[in-house]
Amino acid sequence: MNICMHATVKAGFDVIKAKIEKDMAGNMGKFCTDYRLADLGNGEIIFIGNITDMEALGAMMNSPEEVQWDIDNGAEYKAYLMNEMTG
């Protein structure tokens, strides 16, 4: 896993979970090979994913449709890149 997103989604966990499942069945499934989604409560979530094409992820997240979905559902994200620690 190489990306972590901490988000708040006012529409709730079930809404973002359904969206991610739909996205994974479509274009996102081409560049996200695995993911985990955790409900932290009160509209807070953590998404950890293995992204093979960061440019494709950025293009998807900044598309007009995605931006409007975020507005409509009260979604705000912070994304963090991760590297495995060894030793």
PDB file of N, CA and C in Angstrom:
ATOM      1  N   MET A   1       0.847  -1.171   0.000  1.00  0.00           N
ATOM      2  CA  MET A   1       0.000   0.000   0.000  1.00  0.00           C
ATOM      3  C   MET A   1       0.894   1.236   0.000  1.00  0.00           C
ATOM      4  N   ASN A   2       0.585   2.191  -0.857  1.00  0.00           N
ATOM      5  CA  ASN A   2       1.476   3.338  -0.968  1.00  0.00           C
ATOM      6  C   ASN A   2       0.784   4.692  -0.831  1.00  0.00           C
ATOM      7  N   ILE A   3      -0.513   4.701  -0.579  1.00  0.00           N
ATOM      8  CA  ILE A   3      -1.201   5.971  -0.369  1.00  0.00           C
ATOM      9  C   ILE A   3      -2.195   5.809   0.778  1.00  0.00           C
ATOM     10  N   CYS A   4      -2.289   6.853   1.584  1.00  0.00           N
ATOM     11  CA  CYS A   4      -3.256   6.880   2.679  1.00  0.00           C
ATOM     12  C   CYS A   4      -4.055   8.164   2.532  1.00  0.00           C
ATOM     13  N   MET A   5      -5.360   8.032   2.565  1.00  0.00           N
ATOM     14  CA  MET A   5      -6.227   9.208   2.533  1.00  0.00           C
ATOM     15  C   MET A   5      -7.064   9.238   3.798  1.00  0.00           C
ATOM     16  N   HIS A   6      -7.019  10.361   4.468  1.00  0.00           N
ATOM     17  CA  HIS A   6      -7.867  10.609   5.624  1.00  0.00           C
ATOM     18  C   HIS A   6      -8.926  11.564   5.134  1.00  0.00           C
ATOM     19  N   ALA A   7     -10.190  11.232   5.334  1.00  0.00           N
ATOM     20  CA  ALA A   7     -11.267  12.054   4.796  1.00  0.00           C
ATOM     21  C   ALA A   7     -12.406  12.172   5.787  1.00  0.00           C
ATOM     22  N   THR A   8     -13.157  13.234   5.582  1.00  0.00           N
ATOM     23  CA  THR A   8     -14.458  13.345   6.227  1.00  0.00           C
ATOM     24  C   THR A   8     -15.485  13.386   5.101  1.00  0.00           C
ATOM     25  N   VAL A   9     -16.558  12.624   5.287  1.00  0.00           N
ATOM     26  CA  VAL A   9     -17.629  12.540   4.300  1.00  0.00           C
ATOM     27  C   VAL A   9     -18.934  12.729   5.059  1.00  0.00           C
ATOM     28  N   LYS A  10     -19.517  13.904   4.929  1.00  0.00           N
ATOM     29  CA  LYS A  10     -20.730  14.210   5.678  1.00  0.00           C
ATOM     30  C   LYS A  10     -21.878  13.270   5.336  1.00  0.00           C
ATOM     31  N   ALA A  11     -21.888  12.738   4.108  1.00  0.00           N
ATOM     32  CA  ALA A  11     -22.961  11.819   3.696  1.00  0.00           C
ATOM     33  C   ALA A  11     -22.851  10.472   4.394  1.00  0.00           C
ATOM     34  N   GLY A  12     -21.694  10.163   4.988  1.00  0.00           N
ATOM     35  CA  GLY A  12     -21.533   8.942   5.771  1.00  0.00           C
ATOM     36  C   GLY A  12     -20.720   7.847   5.103  1.00  0.00           C
ATOM     37  N   PHE A  13     -20.342   6.887   5.930  1.00  0.00           N
ATOM     38  CA  PHE A  13     -19.468   5.794   5.504  1.00  0.00           C
ATOM     39  C   PHE A  13     -20.093   4.958   4.389  1.00  0.00           C
ATOM     40  N   ASP A  14     -21.354   4.606   4.511  1.00  0.00           N
ATOM     41  CA  ASP A  14     -21.981   3.742   3.505  1.00  0.00           C
ATOM     42  C   ASP A  14     -21.958   4.382   2.119  1.00  0.00           C
ATOM     43  N   VAL A  15     -22.071   5.694   2.054  1.00  0.00           N
ATOM     44  CA  VAL A  15     -22.062   6.404   0.769  1.00  0.00           C
ATOM     45  C   VAL A  15     -20.683   6.335   0.129  1.00  0.00           C
ATOM     46  N   ILE A  16     -19.620   6.613   0.902  1.00  0.00           N
ATOM     47  CA  ILE A  16     -18.264   6.567   0.330  1.00  0.00           C
ATOM     48  C   ILE A  16     -17.865   5.132   0.016  1.00  0.00           C
ATOM     49  N   LYS A  17     -18.289   4.189   0.842  1.00  0.00           N
ATOM     50  CA  LYS A  17     -17.978   2.779   0.570  1.00  0.00           C
ATOM     51  C   LYS A  17     -18.596   2.351  -0.760  1.00  0.00           C
ATOM     52  N   ALA A  18     -19.852   2.704  -0.993  1.00  0.00           N
ATOM     53  CA  ALA A  18     -20.522   2.352  -2.254  1.00  0.00           C
ATOM     54  C   ALA A  18     -19.830   3.021  -3.441  1.00  0.00           C
ATOM     55  N   LYS A  19     -19.394   4.265  -3.267  1.00  0.00           N
ATOM     56  CA  LYS A  19     -18.714   4.967  -4.354  1.00  0.00           C
ATOM     57  C   LYS A  19     -17.392   4.302  -4.687  1.00  0.00           C
ATOM     58  N   ILE A  20     -16.614   3.956  -3.680  1.00  0.00           N
ATOM     59  CA  ILE A  20     -15.322   3.321  -3.925  1.00  0.00           C
ATOM     60  C   ILE A  20     -15.517   1.961  -4.591  1.00  0.00           C
ATOM     61  N   GLU A  21     -16.498   1.204  -4.146  1.00  0.00           N
ATOM     62  CA  GLU A  21     -16.772  -0.093  -4.784  1.00  0.00           C
ATOM     63  C   GLU A  21     -17.143   0.091  -6.250  1.00  0.00           C
ATOM     64  N   LYS A  22     -17.958   1.095  -6.557  1.00  0.00           N
ATOM     65  CA  LYS A  22     -18.334   1.384  -7.943  1.00  0.00           C
ATOM     66  C   LYS A  22     -17.108   1.816  -8.748  1.00  0.00           C
ATOM     67  N   ASP A  23     -16.297   2.714  -8.174  1.00  0.00           N
ATOM     68  CA  ASP A  23     -15.090   3.184  -8.861  1.00  0.00           C
ATOM     69  C   ASP A  23     -14.116   2.038  -9.127  1.00  0.00           C
ATOM     70  N   MET A  24     -13.975   1.131  -8.148  1.00  0.00           N
ATOM     71  CA  MET A  24     -13.058  -0.007  -8.314  1.00  0.00           C
ATOM     72  C   MET A  24     -13.521  -0.957  -9.421  1.00  0.00           C
ATOM     73  N   ALA A  25     -14.820  -1.037  -9.633  1.00  0.00           N
ATOM     74  CA  ALA A  25     -15.348  -1.877 -10.716  1.00  0.00           C
ATOM     75  C   ALA A  25     -15.140  -1.209 -12.072  1.00  0.00           C
ATOM     76  N   GLY A  26     -14.802   0.075 -12.074  1.00  0.00           N
ATOM     77  CA  GLY A  26     -14.591   0.827 -13.305  1.00  0.00           C
ATOM     78  C   GLY A  26     -13.127   1.183 -13.482  1.00  0.00           C
ATOM     79  N   ASN A  27     -12.886   2.440 -13.849  1.00  0.00           N
ATOM     80  CA  ASN A  27     -11.550   2.911 -14.195  1.00  0.00           C
ATOM     81  C   ASN A  27     -10.548   2.821 -13.043  1.00  0.00           C
ATOM     82  N   MET A  28     -10.983   3.092 -11.818  1.00  0.00           N
ATOM     83  CA  MET A  28     -10.059   3.064 -10.678  1.00  0.00           C
ATOM     84  C   MET A  28      -9.433   1.685 -10.482  1.00  0.00           C
ATOM     85  N   GLY A  29     -10.171   0.649 -10.823  1.00  0.00           N
ATOM     86  CA  GLY A  29      -9.648  -0.710 -10.702  1.00  0.00           C
ATOM     87  C   GLY A  29      -8.454  -0.975 -11.590  1.00  0.00           C
ATOM     88  N   LYS A  30      -8.225  -0.115 -12.584  1.00  0.00           N
ATOM     89  CA  LYS A  30      -7.072  -0.263 -13.480  1.00  0.00           C
ATOM     90  C   LYS A  30      -5.778   0.210 -12.846  1.00  0.00           C
ATOM     91  N   PHE A  31      -5.865   1.126 -11.861  1.00  0.00           N
ATOM     92  CA  PHE A  31      -4.637   1.652 -11.259  1.00  0.00           C
ATOM     93  C   PHE A  31      -4.590   1.515  -9.735  1.00  0.00           C
ATOM     94  N   CYS A  32      -5.592   0.916  -9.141  1.00  0.00           N
ATOM     95  CA  CYS A  32      -5.586   0.615  -7.704  1.00  0.00           C
ATOM     96  C   CYS A  32      -5.706  -0.899  -7.574  1.00  0.00           C
ATOM     97  N   THR A  33      -4.603  -1.559  -7.227  1.00  0.00           N
ATOM     98  CA  THR A  33      -4.586  -3.021  -7.224  1.00  0.00           C
ATOM     99  C   THR A  33      -5.114  -3.636  -5.934  1.00  0.00           C
ATOM    100  N   ASP A  34      -5.177  -2.851  -4.865  1.00  0.00           N
ATOM    101  CA  ASP A  34      -5.677  -3.353  -3.584  1.00  0.00           C
ATOM    102  C   ASP A  34      -5.970  -2.148  -2.696  1.00  0.00           C
ATOM    103  N   TYR A  35      -6.915  -2.293  -1.797  1.00  0.00           N
ATOM    104  CA  TYR A  35      -7.212  -1.189  -0.885  1.00  0.00           C
ATOM    105  C   TYR A  35      -7.861  -1.714   0.388  1.00  0.00           C
ATOM    106  N   ARG A  36      -7.844  -0.865   1.403  1.00  0.00           N
ATOM    107  CA  ARG A  36      -8.566  -1.085   2.652  1.00  0.00           C
ATOM    108  C   ARG A  36      -9.293   0.208   2.979  1.00  0.00           C
ATOM    109  N   LEU A  37     -10.471   0.078   3.550  1.00  0.00           N
ATOM    110  CA  LEU A  37     -11.280   1.230   3.920  1.00  0.00           C
ATOM    111  C   LEU A  37     -11.737   1.030   5.354  1.00  0.00           C
ATOM    112  N   ALA A  38     -11.534   2.039   6.181  1.00  0.00           N
ATOM    113  CA  ALA A  38     -11.916   1.939   7.588  1.00  0.00           C
ATOM    114  C   ALA A  38     -12.838   3.089   7.964  1.00  0.00           C
ATOM    115  N   ASP A  39     -13.874   2.754   8.709  1.00  0.00           N
ATOM    116  CA  ASP A  39     -14.835   3.727   9.237  1.00  0.00           C
ATOM    117  C   ASP A  39     -14.359   4.148  10.622  1.00  0.00           C
ATOM    118  N   LEU A  40     -13.992   5.418  10.775  1.00  0.00           N
ATOM    119  CA  LEU A  40     -13.530   5.920  12.066  1.00  0.00           C
ATOM    120  C   LEU A  40     -14.659   6.531  12.887  1.00  0.00           C
ATOM    121  N   GLY A  41     -15.863   6.579  12.298  1.00  0.00           N
ATOM    122  CA  GLY A  41     -17.014   7.166  12.992  1.00  0.00           C
ATOM    123  C   GLY A  41     -17.154   8.647  12.694  1.00  0.00           C
ATOM    124  N   ASN A  42     -18.360   9.159  12.887  1.00  0.00           N
ATOM    125  CA  ASN A  42     -18.644  10.585  12.698  1.00  0.00           C
ATOM    126  C   ASN A  42     -18.246  11.095  11.309  1.00  0.00           C
ATOM    127  N   GLY A  43     -18.391  10.249  10.284  1.00  0.00           N
ATOM    128  CA  GLY A  43     -18.094  10.651   8.913  1.00  0.00           C
ATOM    129  C   GLY A  43     -16.628  10.628   8.540  1.00  0.00           C
ATOM    130  N   GLU A  44     -15.775  10.155   9.447  1.00  0.00           N
ATOM    131  CA  GLU A  44     -14.343  10.083   9.175  1.00  0.00           C
ATOM    132  C   GLU A  44     -13.983   8.716   8.633  1.00  0.00           C
ATOM    133  N   ILE A  45     -13.131   8.698   7.593  1.00  0.00           N
ATOM    134  CA  ILE A  45     -12.669   7.426   7.030  1.00  0.00           C
ATOM    135  C   ILE A  45     -11.158   7.474   6.785  1.00  0.00           C
ATOM    136  N   ILE A  46     -10.603   6.272   6.677  1.00  0.00           N
ATOM    137  CA  ILE A  46      -9.224   6.101   6.210  1.00  0.00           C
ATOM    138  C   ILE A  46      -9.289   5.152   5.017  1.00  0.00           C
ATOM    139  N   PHE A  47      -8.660   5.551   3.918  1.00  0.00           N
ATOM    140  CA  PHE A  47      -8.516   4.714   2.732  1.00  0.00           C
ATOM    141  C   PHE A  47      -7.028   4.496   2.535  1.00  0.00           C
ATOM    142  N   ILE A  48      -6.621   3.231   2.441  1.00  0.00           N
ATOM    143  CA  ILE A  48      -5.228   2.896   2.139  1.00  0.00           C
ATOM    144  C   ILE A  48      -5.263   2.074   0.862  1.00  0.00           C
ATOM    145  N   GLY A  49      -4.490   2.497  -0.138  1.00  0.00           N
ATOM    146  CA  GLY A  49      -4.533   1.800  -1.413  1.00  0.00           C
ATOM    147  C   GLY A  49      -3.164   1.620  -2.034  1.00  0.00           C
ATOM    148  N   ASN A  50      -3.069   0.629  -2.902  1.00  0.00           N
ATOM    149  CA  ASN A  50      -1.872   0.404  -3.697  1.00  0.00           C
ATOM    150  C   ASN A  50      -2.151   0.982  -5.081  1.00  0.00           C
ATOM    151  N   ILE A  51      -1.597   2.149  -5.342  1.00  0.00           N
ATOM    152  CA  ILE A  51      -1.844   2.884  -6.582  1.00  0.00           C
ATOM    153  C   ILE A  51      -0.648   2.697  -7.513  1.00  0.00           C
ATOM    154  N   THR A  52      -0.917   2.205  -8.711  1.00  0.00           N
ATOM    155  CA  THR A  52       0.153   1.958  -9.677  1.00  0.00           C
ATOM    156  C   THR A  52       0.339   3.114 -10.653  1.00  0.00           C
ATOM    157  N   ASP A  53      -0.587   4.055 -10.703  1.00  0.00           N
ATOM    158  CA  ASP A  53      -0.496   5.200 -11.613  1.00  0.00           C
ATOM    159  C   ASP A  53      -1.048   6.434 -10.888  1.00  0.00           C
ATOM    160  N   MET A  54      -0.149   7.193 -10.266  1.00  0.00           N
ATOM    161  CA  MET A  54      -0.560   8.363  -9.494  1.00  0.00           C
ATOM    162  C   MET A  54      -1.180   9.443 -10.388  1.00  0.00           C
ATOM    163  N   GLU A  55      -0.702   9.562 -11.626  1.00  0.00           N
ATOM    164  CA  GLU A  55      -1.286  10.554 -12.538  1.00  0.00           C
ATOM    165  C   GLU A  55      -2.744  10.222 -12.835  1.00  0.00           C
ATOM    166  N   ALA A  56      -3.047   8.949 -13.030  1.00  0.00           N
ATOM    167  CA  ALA A  56      -4.435   8.536 -13.283  1.00  0.00           C
ATOM    168  C   ALA A  56      -5.305   8.814 -12.058  1.00  0.00           C
ATOM    169  N   LEU A  57      -4.777   8.567 -10.866  1.00  0.00           N
ATOM    170  CA  LEU A  57      -5.528   8.868  -9.644  1.00  0.00           C
ATOM    171  C   LEU A  57      -5.800  10.371  -9.551  1.00  0.00           C
ATOM    172  N   GLY A  58      -4.776  11.185  -9.804  1.00  0.00           N
ATOM    173  CA  GLY A  58      -4.946  12.628  -9.753  1.00  0.00           C
ATOM    174  C   GLY A  58      -5.969  13.123 -10.764  1.00  0.00           C
ATOM    175  N   ALA A  59      -5.919  12.559 -11.970  1.00  0.00           N
ATOM    176  CA  ALA A  59      -6.879  12.947 -13.006  1.00  0.00           C
ATOM    177  C   ALA A  59      -8.295  12.586 -12.586  1.00  0.00           C
ATOM    178  N   MET A  60      -8.472  11.408 -11.992  1.00  0.00           N
ATOM    179  CA  MET A  60      -9.800  10.992 -11.548  1.00  0.00           C
ATOM    180  C   MET A  60     -10.298  11.906 -10.426  1.00  0.00           C
ATOM    181  N   MET A  61      -9.443  12.165  -9.435  1.00  0.00           N
ATOM    182  CA  MET A  61      -9.866  12.955  -8.275  1.00  0.00           C
ATOM    183  C   MET A  61     -10.152  14.408  -8.630  1.00  0.00           C
ATOM    184  N   ASN A  62      -9.545  14.906  -9.699  1.00  0.00           N
ATOM    185  CA  ASN A  62      -9.737  16.297 -10.100  1.00  0.00           C
ATOM    186  C   ASN A  62     -10.715  16.461 -11.256  1.00  0.00           C
ATOM    187  N   SER A  63     -11.347  15.369 -11.666  1.00  0.00           N
ATOM    188  CA  SER A  63     -12.325  15.463 -12.749  1.00  0.00           C
ATOM    189  C   SER A  63     -13.538  16.260 -12.266  1.00  0.00           C
ATOM    190  N   PRO A  64     -14.224  16.936 -13.174  1.00  0.00           N
ATOM    191  CA  PRO A  64     -15.411  17.711 -12.763  1.00  0.00           C
ATOM    192  C   PRO A  64     -16.460  16.866 -12.040  1.00  0.00           C
ATOM    193  N   GLU A  65     -16.645  15.625 -12.475  1.00  0.00           N
ATOM    194  CA  GLU A  65     -17.630  14.744 -11.838  1.00  0.00           C
ATOM    195  C   GLU A  65     -17.230  14.421 -10.399  1.00  0.00           C
ATOM    196  N   GLU A  66     -15.957  14.157 -10.193  1.00  0.00           N
ATOM    197  CA  GLU A  66     -15.477  13.826  -8.849  1.00  0.00           C
ATOM    198  C   GLU A  66     -15.549  15.037  -7.923  1.00  0.00           C
ATOM    199  N   VAL A  67     -15.161  16.180  -8.433  1.00  0.00           N
ATOM    200  CA  VAL A  67     -15.224  17.413  -7.638  1.00  0.00           C
ATOM    201  C   VAL A  67     -16.671  17.695  -7.232  1.00  0.00           C
ATOM    202  N   GLN A  68     -17.613  17.514  -8.156  1.00  0.00           N
ATOM    203  CA  GLN A  68     -19.022  17.745  -7.833  1.00  0.00           C
ATOM    204  C   GLN A  68     -19.532  16.728  -6.817  1.00  0.00           C
ATOM    205  N   TRP A  69     -19.098  15.456  -6.950  1.00  0.00           N
ATOM    206  CA  TRP A  69     -19.495  14.427  -5.986  1.00  0.00           C
ATOM    207  C   TRP A  69     -19.022  14.834  -4.590  1.00  0.00           C
ATOM    208  N   ASP A  70     -17.788  15.303  -4.504  1.00  0.00           N
ATOM    209  CA  ASP A  70     -17.238  15.730  -3.215  1.00  0.00           C
ATOM    210  C   ASP A  70     -18.070  16.858  -2.614  1.00  0.00           C
ATOM    211  N   ILE A  71     -18.432  17.828  -3.425  1.00  0.00           N
ATOM    212  CA  ILE A  71     -19.255  18.950  -2.948  1.00  0.00           C
ATOM    213  C   ILE A  71     -20.618  18.440  -2.474  1.00  0.00           C
ATOM    214  N   ASP A  72     -21.251  17.623  -3.301  1.00  0.00           N
ATOM    215  CA  ASP A  72     -22.600  17.127  -2.988  1.00  0.00           C
ATOM    216  C   ASP A  72     -22.648  16.276  -1.723  1.00  0.00           C
ATOM    217  N   ASN A  73     -21.538  15.592  -1.415  1.00  0.00           N
ATOM    218  CA  ASN A  73     -21.515  14.656  -0.290  1.00  0.00           C
ATOM    219  C   ASN A  73     -20.678  15.133   0.887  1.00  0.00           C
ATOM    220  N   GLY A  74     -20.208  16.374   0.813  1.00  0.00           N
ATOM    221  CA  GLY A  74     -19.439  16.940   1.924  1.00  0.00           C
ATOM    222  C   GLY A  74     -18.131  16.217   2.175  1.00  0.00           C
ATOM    223  N   ALA A  75     -17.427  15.866   1.095  1.00  0.00           N
ATOM    224  CA  ALA A  75     -16.181  15.100   1.228  1.00  0.00           C
ATOM    225  C   ALA A  75     -14.967  16.016   1.152  1.00  0.00           C
ATOM    226  N   GLU A  76     -14.072  15.851   2.118  1.00  0.00           N
ATOM    227  CA  GLU A  76     -12.799  16.570   2.144  1.00  0.00           C
ATOM    228  C   GLU A  76     -11.705  15.563   2.453  1.00  0.00           C
ATOM    229  N   TYR A  77     -10.614  15.617   1.674  1.00  0.00           N
ATOM    230  CA  TYR A  77      -9.553  14.617   1.752  1.00  0.00           C
ATOM    231  C   TYR A  77      -8.206  15.251   2.046  1.00  0.00           C
ATOM    232  N   LYS A  78      -7.364  14.486   2.703  1.00  0.00           N
ATOM    233  CA  LYS A  78      -5.925  14.744   2.786  1.00  0.00           C
ATOM    234  C   LYS A  78      -5.266  13.436   2.389  1.00  0.00           C
ATOM    235  N   ALA A  79      -4.337  13.512   1.443  1.00  0.00           N
ATOM    236  CA  ALA A  79      -3.660  12.308   0.950  1.00  0.00           C
ATOM    237  C   ALA A  79      -2.197  12.322   1.382  1.00  0.00           C
ATOM    238  N   TYR A  80      -1.702  11.137   1.718  1.00  0.00           N
ATOM    239  CA  TYR A  80      -0.328  10.978   2.172  1.00  0.00           C
ATOM    240  C   TYR A  80       0.313   9.833   1.404  1.00  0.00           C
ATOM    241  N   LEU A  81       1.519  10.052   0.894  1.00  0.00           N
ATOM    242  CA  LEU A  81       2.286   8.973   0.263  1.00  0.00           C
ATOM    243  C   LEU A  81       3.001   8.200   1.347  1.00  0.00           C
ATOM    244  N   MET A  82       3.119   6.897   1.151  1.00  0.00           N
ATOM    245  CA  MET A  82       3.759   6.054   2.161  1.00  0.00           C
ATOM    246  C   MET A  82       4.831   5.194   1.512  1.00  0.00           C
ATOM    247  N   ASN A  83       5.874   4.896   2.276  1.00  0.00           N
ATOM    248  CA  ASN A  83       6.923   3.960   1.877  1.00  0.00           C
ATOM    249  C   ASN A  83       7.087   2.943   2.983  1.00  0.00           C
ATOM    250  N   GLU A  84       7.378   1.709   2.601  1.00  0.00           N
ATOM    251  CA  GLU A  84       7.599   0.655   3.580  1.00  0.00           C
ATOM    252  C   GLU A  84       8.879   0.908   4.342  1.00  0.00           C
ATOM    253  N   MET A  85       8.813   0.726   5.652  1.00  0.00           N
ATOM    254  CA  MET A  85       9.993   0.822   6.484  1.00  0.00           C
ATOM    255  C   MET A  85      10.587  -0.578   6.636  1.00  0.00           C
ATOM    256  N   THR A  86      11.865  -0.689   6.421  1.00  0.00           N
ATOM    257  CA  THR A  86      12.531  -1.990   6.547  1.00  0.00           C
ATOM    258  C   THR A  86      13.600  -1.900   7.630  1.00  0.00           C
ATOM    259  N   GLY A  87      14.017  -3.082   8.070  1.00  0.00           N
ATOM    260  CA  GLY A  87      15.131  -3.157   8.997  1.00  0.00           C
ATOM    261  C   GLY A  87      14.729  -3.168  10.367  1.00  0.00           C
TER     262      GLY A  87
END
